[in-house]
């Protein structure tokens, strides 16, 4: 669709397509020292999981070495990783959390 200006020139309307931002998985890593109950509390607190869902993810982390806590934009994923690491350090646990692009 073109619009005409007062000087007689035409302006073309250019439609640009924005692609959605890349998403990142937040991963919790297993260790031999962090109590399972603490991992469940972290999942409930940081990722707003129900106790049942948090327990499922915790068991996945325990059995498989890592578990997906959620998928977010880069900024949100980075904030979640920082929250988990800070909470673990505050309670003197070596729990690790990372993110990777989906």
C-alpha atoms as a PDB file:
ATOM      1  CA  UNK A   1       0.000   0.000   0.000  1.00  0.00           C
ATOM      2  CA  UNK A   2       1.445   3.394  -0.903  1.00  0.00           C
ATOM      3  CA  UNK A   3       0.731   6.785   0.636  1.00  0.00           C
ATOM      4  CA  UNK A   4       1.008  10.035  -1.347  1.00  0.00           C
ATOM      5  CA  UNK A   5       2.732  13.000   0.273  1.00  0.00           C
ATOM      6  CA  UNK A   6       2.031  16.658  -0.475  1.00  0.00           C
ATOM      7  CA  UNK A   7       5.049  16.982  -2.788  1.00  0.00           C
ATOM      8  CA  UNK A   8       3.805  14.173  -5.003  1.00  0.00           C
ATOM      9  CA  UNK A   9       6.275  11.462  -3.941  1.00  0.00           C
ATOM     10  CA  UNK A  10       5.080   8.048  -2.897  1.00  0.00           C
ATOM     11  CA  UNK A  11       5.965   6.287   0.330  1.00  0.00           C
ATOM     12  CA  UNK A  12       5.997   2.500   0.422  1.00  0.00           C
ATOM     13  CA  UNK A  13       4.946   0.786   3.607  1.00  0.00           C
ATOM     14  CA  UNK A  14       7.609  -1.779   4.408  1.00  0.00           C
ATOM     15  CA  UNK A  15       6.589  -4.620   6.656  1.00  0.00           C
ATOM     16  CA  UNK A  16       9.390  -6.062   8.706  1.00  0.00           C
ATOM     17  CA  UNK A  17       9.049  -9.409  10.320  1.00  0.00           C
ATOM     18  CA  UNK A  18      10.500  -9.739  13.769  1.00  0.00           C
ATOM     19  CA  UNK A  19      11.548 -13.180  14.801  1.00  0.00           C
ATOM     20  CA  UNK A  20      10.996 -14.185  18.392  1.00  0.00           C
ATOM     21  CA  UNK A  21      14.031 -14.038  20.677  1.00  0.00           C
ATOM     22  CA  UNK A  22      15.972 -17.266  21.152  1.00  0.00           C
ATOM     23  CA  UNK A  23      14.974 -19.327  24.149  1.00  0.00           C
ATOM     24  CA  UNK A  24      17.304 -20.848  26.723  1.00  0.00           C
ATOM     25  CA  UNK A  25      16.859 -23.930  28.893  1.00  0.00           C
ATOM     26  CA  UNK A  26      17.802 -23.547  32.539  1.00  0.00           C
ATOM     27  CA  UNK A  27      19.511 -26.731  33.716  1.00  0.00           C
ATOM     28  CA  UNK A  28      20.128 -27.892  37.254  1.00  0.00           C
ATOM     29  CA  UNK A  29      23.219 -30.103  37.673  1.00  0.00           C
ATOM     30  CA  UNK A  30      23.579 -33.001  40.079  1.00  0.00           C
ATOM     31  CA  UNK A  31      26.158 -33.092  42.856  1.00  0.00           C
ATOM     32  CA  UNK A  32      26.766 -35.485  45.736  1.00  0.00           C
ATOM     33  CA  UNK A  33      26.421 -32.912  48.511  1.00  0.00           C
ATOM     34  CA  UNK A  34      23.294 -30.782  48.072  1.00  0.00           C
ATOM     35  CA  UNK A  35      20.334 -32.308  49.948  1.00  0.00           C
ATOM     36  CA  UNK A  36      17.378 -33.359  47.808  1.00  0.00           C
ATOM     37  CA  UNK A  37      14.976 -31.405  50.010  1.00  0.00           C
ATOM     38  CA  UNK A  38      16.946 -28.210  49.370  1.00  0.00           C
ATOM     39  CA  UNK A  39      16.761 -28.799  45.594  1.00  0.00           C
ATOM     40  CA  UNK A  40      12.979 -29.172  45.855  1.00  0.00           C
ATOM     41  CA  UNK A  41      12.742 -25.904  47.802  1.00  0.00           C
ATOM     42  CA  UNK A  42      14.897 -24.129  45.197  1.00  0.00           C
ATOM     43  CA  UNK A  43      12.681 -25.398  42.374  1.00  0.00           C
ATOM     44  CA  UNK A  44       9.553 -24.279  44.210  1.00  0.00           C
ATOM     45  CA  UNK A  45      10.998 -20.883  45.115  1.00  0.00           C
ATOM     46  CA  UNK A  46      12.845 -19.851  41.956  1.00  0.00           C
ATOM     47  CA  UNK A  47      10.762 -21.641  39.323  1.00  0.00           C
ATOM     48  CA  UNK A  48       7.334 -21.557  41.030  1.00  0.00           C
ATOM     49  CA  UNK A  49       6.885 -25.318  40.706  1.00  0.00           C
ATOM     50  CA  UNK A  50       4.411 -27.326  42.715  1.00  0.00           C
ATOM     51  CA  UNK A  51       5.935 -29.721  45.240  1.00  0.00           C
ATOM     52  CA  UNK A  52       5.100 -32.675  42.988  1.00  0.00           C
ATOM     53  CA  UNK A  53       6.667 -31.143  39.875  1.00  0.00           C
ATOM     54  CA  UNK A  54       9.730 -29.995  41.862  1.00  0.00           C
ATOM     55  CA  UNK A  55      10.166 -33.529  43.205  1.00  0.00           C
ATOM     56  CA  UNK A  56       9.969 -34.961  39.668  1.00  0.00           C
ATOM     57  CA  UNK A  57      12.629 -32.545  38.397  1.00  0.00           C
ATOM     58  CA  UNK A  58      14.824 -33.186  41.446  1.00  0.00           C
ATOM     59  CA  UNK A  59      14.651 -36.940  40.810  1.00  0.00           C
ATOM     60  CA  UNK A  60      15.528 -36.377  37.148  1.00  0.00           C
ATOM     61  CA  UNK A  61      18.568 -34.348  38.234  1.00  0.00           C
ATOM     62  CA  UNK A  62      19.525 -37.061  40.725  1.00  0.00           C
ATOM     63  CA  UNK A  63      19.146 -39.964  38.275  1.00  0.00           C
ATOM     64  CA  UNK A  64      20.280 -38.405  34.988  1.00  0.00           C
ATOM     65  CA  UNK A  65      22.816 -35.842  36.196  1.00  0.00           C
ATOM     66  CA  UNK A  66      20.824 -32.821  35.065  1.00  0.00           C
ATOM     67  CA  UNK A  67      17.262 -31.635  34.698  1.00  0.00           C
ATOM     68  CA  UNK A  68      15.450 -28.874  32.843  1.00  0.00           C
ATOM     69  CA  UNK A  69      13.869 -26.322  35.169  1.00  0.00           C
ATOM     70  CA  UNK A  70      12.271 -24.196  32.454  1.00  0.00           C
ATOM     71  CA  UNK A  71      12.718 -22.407  29.148  1.00  0.00           C
ATOM     72  CA  UNK A  72      13.034 -18.618  29.068  1.00  0.00           C
ATOM     73  CA  UNK A  73      14.434 -15.682  27.146  1.00  0.00           C
ATOM     74  CA  UNK A  74      18.149 -15.069  27.733  1.00  0.00           C
ATOM     75  CA  UNK A  75      17.711 -12.334  30.339  1.00  0.00           C
ATOM     76  CA  UNK A  76      15.144 -14.262  32.366  1.00  0.00           C
ATOM     77  CA  UNK A  77      17.179 -17.482  32.156  1.00  0.00           C
ATOM     78  CA  UNK A  78      20.322 -15.670  33.329  1.00  0.00           C
ATOM     79  CA  UNK A  79      18.399 -14.156  36.238  1.00  0.00           C
ATOM     80  CA  UNK A  80      17.063 -17.596  37.242  1.00  0.00           C
ATOM     81  CA  UNK A  81      20.564 -19.103  37.112  1.00  0.00           C
ATOM     82  CA  UNK A  82      21.876 -16.279  39.318  1.00  0.00           C
ATOM     83  CA  UNK A  83      19.015 -16.760  41.796  1.00  0.00           C
ATOM     84  CA  UNK A  84      19.699 -20.497  42.105  1.00  0.00           C
ATOM     85  CA  UNK A  85      23.451 -20.039  42.545  1.00  0.00           C
ATOM     86  CA  UNK A  86      22.977 -17.221  45.078  1.00  0.00           C
ATOM     87  CA  UNK A  87      20.456 -19.238  47.092  1.00  0.00           C
ATOM     88  CA  UNK A  88      22.758 -22.273  47.094  1.00  0.00           C
ATOM     89  CA  UNK A  89      25.773 -20.219  48.201  1.00  0.00           C
ATOM     90  CA  UNK A  90      23.714 -18.525  50.906  1.00  0.00           C
ATOM     91  CA  UNK A  91      22.915 -21.981  52.327  1.00  0.00           C
ATOM     92  CA  UNK A  92      26.475 -23.253  51.702  1.00  0.00           C
ATOM     93  CA  UNK A  93      25.564 -25.851  49.078  1.00  0.00           C
ATOM     94  CA  UNK A  94      27.567 -26.504  45.878  1.00  0.00           C
ATOM     95  CA  UNK A  95      24.434 -26.702  43.674  1.00  0.00           C
ATOM     96  CA  UNK A  96      25.165 -25.639  40.091  1.00  0.00           C
ATOM     97  CA  UNK A  97      22.798 -24.228  37.525  1.00  0.00           C
ATOM     98  CA  UNK A  98      23.483 -23.356  33.877  1.00  0.00           C
ATOM     99  CA  UNK A  99      21.625 -22.334  30.757  1.00  0.00           C
ATOM    100  CA  UNK A 100      21.893 -23.349  27.129  1.00  0.00           C
ATOM    101  CA  UNK A 101      20.192 -22.220  23.965  1.00  0.00           C
ATOM    102  CA  UNK A 102      17.355 -24.466  22.787  1.00  0.00           C
END
